[in-house]
């Protein structure tokens, strides 16, 4: 996130998608925040905002980030990801009721193994 995006993670998401793919916000549909992952890395608290969306474009740009290509949902878990992102994908794919909610995941180490605690983020004032 850039300093001016601190209170607008969707703007950061759209900027990153455009920078790394060339896809503009006009070609992204149903973009919604689905997960917030929080973890500690030494003396830093890291937060990842995970957005899910759709596009109908196949017009991508080449970048130094790697080769962009679509992966069928059934093959997602065969890919290499960070441990927290892998845990988030597993939660998403195996918890169908959560697919339309915002879920926060807190990463912690228990007996040397990553453990994620998942909670639905809701507006308690409604």
Foldseek 3Di string as FASTA:
>chain_A
DDPVCPVPVVVVVQVVCCVAWVDHPVFKAPWDFQEWEWEDDPPDIDIDTDIDIDGDDPRTDDDPPDDDDDDPLVCVLVDDDPPVVSVVSVCCVVPVVSVPFYKYWYWDADPNDTDIDIDTDDDPVD
